[in-house]
Amino acid sequence: MHTARRTIVQYFNDFTIEHQCNYSNLELIVVSQILDNITAEDIKFVNNQTNKTIVLPPSLFVTSIKSENLIANPAIIQLTDSLISRYTVIKHHQDGLNEYIPNFCNLQLTLNGLSLDVNYKLIPIILDAKSKHPQGRWNYAIRLNSNNATALYKVLQNFVNQTISITPNELKEQISIQDHYPRYGNFKQRVIIPALAEINGKTDLEVSCTEIFEQRKVKLLRFEIAQSIN
C-alpha cells in the first residue's frame, strides 16, 4: 500500500496550521474528492459555523476494494477509523494558543456510500491549498511524499510546455530552503533528483533538468516541463 508521509504547514495572517499528510491509497481517493467538492461558495458554512456534508458513492472505491458494498468491508472500516483520527492544529498568533480540531466527523457507511462532515474551519484552509495548485493539480500534489517535491511541483506547474532557467540559489528560494544545502552537490542529490523522480512518477508533468556550467560550476538549471501523456 502506498502511503505519503509529511507534515503540511500553511501560513495565514492570524494563524498557522499544521497537519499530517500520511495518506493511504483509499485516503487519497477521499481527500481528492473533498478537494474537488469544496468551492468558494462554501464560505457560507464558515459564516454559519456549520460543517459541510459530502457523500462519496461506492463507485469511487470499486477498483480498490473490488466491491460496491462498503458496509462491513475491512478496508473501508480501516479507512473510516483513520479518517476519524485525523486532526489539524491551528496555532493562533495573537495568544499563542494551539487549537486541535478534527478534520472529519459523523462518518457513516450506507448503501449510498460514505458520508462525512468536513469541519467548517478547514474550508478556508482547503481553498488556500487549491489556490496554490490551480486546474485541478491539487489532486497530484497530495500524492507527493516530500515537501521538497510538493514545493518544486508548485513552481513548475506554472510553466507547462515551457523551458525555464534558474540559478540553484534562486530555486532554493522558490522552494523555501534557501538556508539549507550550501553545497550544490548535496542540493542536487538530496532535493533535485528525488523531487523530480516523484514529480515525473506521480503527477501530470514530465520534467527534465539540464545543468549549465560556467567555469566548471553550475550556473543555471534548465528545466523542460511538458504535460504528461499518462
Protein backbone atom coordinates (compact mmCIF):
# COMPACT_ATOMS: atom_id res chain seq x y z
CA MET A 1 0.00 0.00 0.00
CA HIS A 2 1.34 3.39 -0.97
CA THR A 3 1.46 5.94 1.84
CA ALA A 4 2.64 9.53 1.55
CA ARG A 5 4.11 10.90 4.80
CA ARG A 6 4.81 14.55 5.51
CA THR A 7 3.63 17.49 7.58
CA ILE A 8 1.82 20.27 5.74
CA VAL A 9 2.25 23.81 7.08
CA GLN A 10 0.13 26.72 5.82
CA TYR A 11 0.55 30.33 6.92
CA PHE A 12 -2.29 32.83 7.35
CA ASN A 13 -2.44 36.35 8.77
CA ASP A 14 -3.71 35.36 12.20
CA PHE A 15 -2.72 31.71 12.49
CA THR A 16 -0.57 28.87 11.19
CA ILE A 17 -1.91 25.38 10.60
CA GLU A 18 -0.17 22.02 10.65
CA HIS A 19 -1.49 18.58 9.79
CA GLN A 20 -0.01 15.22 8.98
CA CYS A 21 -0.26 14.09 5.38
CA ASN A 22 0.16 10.31 5.52
CA TYR A 23 -2.42 9.16 3.04
CA SER A 24 -3.11 5.57 2.06
CA ASN A 25 -4.43 4.93 -1.44
CA LEU A 26 -8.03 4.87 -0.19
CA GLU A 27 -7.49 8.08 1.76
CA LEU A 28 -6.12 9.73 -1.38
CA ILE A 29 -9.44 8.97 -3.06
CA VAL A 30 -11.35 10.60 -0.21
CA VAL A 31 -9.08 13.66 0.09
CA SER A 32 -9.13 14.18 -3.69
CA GLN A 33 -12.93 14.14 -3.73
CA ILE A 34 -13.13 16.54 -0.79
CA LEU A 35 -10.79 18.96 -2.55
CA ASP A 36 -12.91 18.73 -5.69
CA ASN A 37 -16.13 19.34 -3.74
CA ILE A 38 -15.03 22.34 -1.68
CA THR A 39 -15.58 25.60 -3.58
CA ALA A 40 -15.59 29.32 -2.81
CA GLU A 41 -19.36 29.14 -2.30
CA ASP A 42 -18.74 27.01 0.78
CA ILE A 43 -17.61 30.05 2.75
CA LYS A 44 -21.28 30.15 3.78
CA PHE A 45 -20.57 27.13 6.01
CA VAL A 46 -17.76 29.11 7.67
CA ASN A 47 -20.03 32.11 8.21
CA ASN A 48 -22.74 29.88 9.68
CA GLN A 49 -20.24 27.75 11.62
CA THR A 50 -21.74 24.56 10.23
CA ASN A 51 -19.92 21.59 8.76
CA LYS A 52 -20.35 20.54 5.13
CA THR A 53 -21.65 17.03 4.41
CA ILE A 54 -20.14 15.16 1.47
CA VAL A 55 -21.31 11.75 0.25
CA LEU A 56 -18.81 9.61 -1.66
CA PRO A 57 -20.53 6.98 -3.83
CA PRO A 58 -19.44 3.32 -3.74
CA SER A 59 -18.26 3.54 -7.36
CA LEU A 60 -15.24 5.57 -6.20
CA PHE A 61 -13.89 2.60 -4.26
CA VAL A 62 -14.72 -0.31 -6.56
CA THR A 63 -11.29 -0.56 -8.16
CA SER A 64 -9.54 -0.61 -4.79
CA ILE A 65 -11.81 -2.91 -2.81
CA LYS A 66 -13.29 -4.98 -5.68
CA SER A 67 -16.80 -4.43 -4.38
CA GLU A 68 -19.57 -1.82 -4.34
CA ASN A 69 -20.67 -2.91 -0.87
CA LEU A 70 -18.89 -0.62 1.57
CA ILE A 71 -20.68 -1.84 4.68
CA ALA A 72 -18.57 -4.30 6.72
CA ASN A 73 -15.74 -4.17 4.18
CA PRO A 74 -12.49 -4.41 6.24
CA ALA A 75 -10.58 -1.93 4.06
CA ILE A 76 -13.37 0.66 4.30
CA ILE A 77 -13.71 0.17 8.05
CA GLN A 78 -9.97 0.75 8.39
CA LEU A 79 -10.36 3.84 6.19
CA THR A 80 -13.10 5.33 8.37
CA ASP A 81 -11.10 4.65 11.53
CA SER A 82 -8.14 6.51 10.04
CA LEU A 83 -10.26 9.45 8.87
CA ILE A 84 -11.87 9.82 12.29
CA SER A 85 -8.43 10.01 13.95
CA ARG A 86 -7.21 12.88 11.75
CA TYR A 87 -6.96 16.39 13.13
CA THR A 88 -5.46 19.76 12.27
CA VAL A 89 -3.51 22.02 14.64
CA ILE A 90 -4.34 25.72 14.40
CA LYS A 91 -1.63 27.85 16.03
CA HIS A 92 -3.05 31.27 16.83
CA HIS A 93 -0.52 34.08 16.57
CA GLN A 94 -2.09 36.58 18.94
CA ASP A 95 -2.48 34.46 22.07
CA GLY A 96 -0.06 31.64 21.19
CA LEU A 97 -2.70 29.01 21.85
CA ASN A 98 -2.99 25.82 19.83
CA GLU A 99 -6.40 24.55 18.74
CA TYR A 100 -6.82 20.90 17.79
CA ILE A 101 -9.79 20.30 15.50
CA PRO A 102 -10.99 17.01 13.97
CA ASN A 103 -10.89 17.03 10.18
CA PHE A 104 -14.00 14.88 9.76
CA CYS A 105 -16.95 13.80 11.85
CA ASN A 106 -20.26 11.93 11.51
CA LEU A 107 -18.79 9.28 9.23
CA GLN A 108 -21.48 6.85 8.12
CA LEU A 109 -21.46 3.87 5.78
CA THR A 110 -24.68 3.32 3.86
CA LEU A 111 -25.77 1.69 0.63
CA ASN A 112 -25.42 5.15 -0.93
CA GLY A 113 -21.74 5.39 0.01
CA LEU A 114 -19.52 7.01 2.61
CA SER A 115 -21.00 10.13 4.19
CA LEU A 116 -18.82 12.50 6.20
CA ASP A 117 -18.87 16.04 7.52
CA VAL A 118 -15.93 18.31 6.73
CA ASN A 119 -15.12 20.66 9.61
CA TYR A 120 -16.08 24.19 8.58
CA LYS A 121 -12.82 25.55 10.00
CA LEU A 122 -10.95 23.56 7.33
CA ILE A 123 -12.77 25.16 4.41
CA PRO A 124 -10.56 28.32 4.16
CA ILE A 125 -7.50 26.07 4.53
CA ILE A 126 -8.68 23.80 1.71
CA LEU A 127 -9.45 26.77 -0.53
CA ASP A 128 -5.97 28.16 0.15
CA ALA A 129 -4.38 24.83 -0.83
CA LYS A 130 -6.46 24.67 -4.01
CA SER A 131 -5.46 28.22 -4.98
CA LYS A 132 -1.81 27.16 -4.93
CA HIS A 133 -2.47 24.28 -7.34
CA PRO A 134 -4.97 25.51 -9.97
CA GLN A 135 -6.60 23.49 -12.76
CA GLY A 136 -7.18 20.51 -10.51
CA ARG A 137 -3.49 19.92 -9.86
CA TRP A 138 -4.15 19.63 -6.12
CA ASN A 139 -5.07 16.03 -6.91
CA TYR A 140 -1.47 15.41 -7.98
CA ALA A 141 0.15 17.49 -5.23
CA ILE A 142 -1.41 15.34 -2.48
CA ARG A 143 0.29 12.24 -3.93
CA LEU A 144 3.78 13.57 -3.36
CA ASN A 145 5.76 12.25 -0.39
CA SER A 146 8.10 15.13 0.36
CA ASN A 147 7.69 18.84 0.96
CA ASN A 148 10.54 19.47 -1.49
CA ALA A 149 8.71 17.67 -4.29
CA THR A 150 5.49 19.50 -3.47
CA ALA A 151 7.22 22.88 -3.44
CA LEU A 152 9.04 22.19 -6.72
CA TYR A 153 5.81 20.97 -8.32
CA LYS A 154 4.12 24.20 -7.25
CA VAL A 155 6.83 26.17 -9.11
CA LEU A 156 6.97 24.01 -12.25
CA GLN A 157 3.20 23.71 -12.73
CA ASN A 158 3.19 27.35 -13.89
CA PHE A 159 5.43 26.59 -16.88
CA VAL A 160 3.81 23.64 -18.64
CA ASN A 161 5.16 23.15 -22.19
CA GLN A 162 7.88 25.71 -21.49
CA THR A 163 11.59 25.77 -20.69
CA ILE A 164 12.83 27.83 -17.76
CA SER A 165 16.33 28.60 -16.48
CA ILE A 166 17.06 29.42 -12.86
CA THR A 167 20.14 29.56 -10.66
CA PRO A 168 20.46 26.97 -7.87
CA ASN A 169 20.16 29.69 -5.22
CA GLU A 170 17.05 31.14 -6.86
CA LEU A 171 15.50 27.69 -6.95
CA LYS A 172 16.23 27.16 -3.26
CA GLU A 173 14.46 30.45 -2.52
CA GLN A 174 11.50 29.42 -4.66
CA ILE A 175 11.03 26.22 -2.65
CA SER A 176 11.86 27.87 0.70
CA ILE A 177 15.07 26.03 1.57
CA GLN A 178 17.48 28.92 0.98
CA ASP A 179 19.21 28.32 4.32
CA HIS A 180 19.97 24.68 3.55
CA TYR A 181 22.35 22.73 1.32
CA PRO A 182 25.16 25.28 0.80
CA ARG A 183 26.97 22.72 -1.37
CA TYR A 184 25.34 22.25 -4.76
CA GLY A 185 26.17 18.54 -4.84
CA ASN A 186 24.12 17.92 -1.70
CA PHE A 187 21.27 20.06 -3.05
CA LYS A 188 21.23 18.04 -6.26
CA GLN A 189 21.37 14.61 -4.61
CA ARG A 190 19.00 15.27 -1.72
CA VAL A 191 16.48 17.63 -3.31
CA ILE A 192 16.50 17.95 -7.09
CA ILE A 193 16.92 14.30 -8.10
CA PRO A 194 14.39 12.75 -5.67
CA ALA A 195 11.89 15.59 -6.16
CA LEU A 196 11.95 15.23 -9.95
CA ALA A 197 11.63 11.45 -9.65
CA GLU A 198 8.46 11.92 -7.61
CA ILE A 199 7.03 14.58 -9.88
CA ASN A 200 7.67 12.52 -13.01
CA GLY A 201 6.28 9.37 -11.43
CA LYS A 202 3.18 10.68 -9.67
CA THR A 203 1.93 13.87 -11.36
CA ASP A 204 0.74 15.20 -14.70
CA LEU A 205 4.16 16.68 -15.53
CA GLU A 206 7.22 15.29 -17.29
CA VAL A 207 10.26 17.32 -16.29
CA SER A 208 13.91 17.11 -17.29
CA CYS A 209 16.74 19.16 -15.81
CA THR A 210 19.97 20.17 -17.54
CA GLU A 211 22.91 21.78 -15.74
CA ILE A 212 24.52 24.81 -17.41
CA PHE A 213 28.15 25.21 -16.36
CA GLU A 214 30.36 28.27 -16.17
CA GLN A 215 33.99 27.86 -15.12
CA ARG A 216 33.26 24.28 -14.01
CA LYS A 217 30.46 25.39 -11.68
CA VAL A 218 26.73 25.01 -12.21
CA LYS A 219 25.47 28.46 -13.11
CA LEU A 220 21.93 27.59 -14.20
CA LEU A 221 19.43 24.77 -14.04
CA ARG A 222 17.36 24.45 -17.20
CA PHE A 223 14.01 22.73 -16.71
CA GLU A 224 11.94 21.47 -19.61
CA ILE A 225 8.35 20.97 -18.46
CA ALA A 226 5.84 19.02 -20.53
CA GLN A 227 2.35 17.71 -19.92
CA SER A 228 2.47 14.01 -19.19
CA ILE A 229 0.60 11.79 -21.63
CA ASN A 230 -0.18 9.26 -18.88
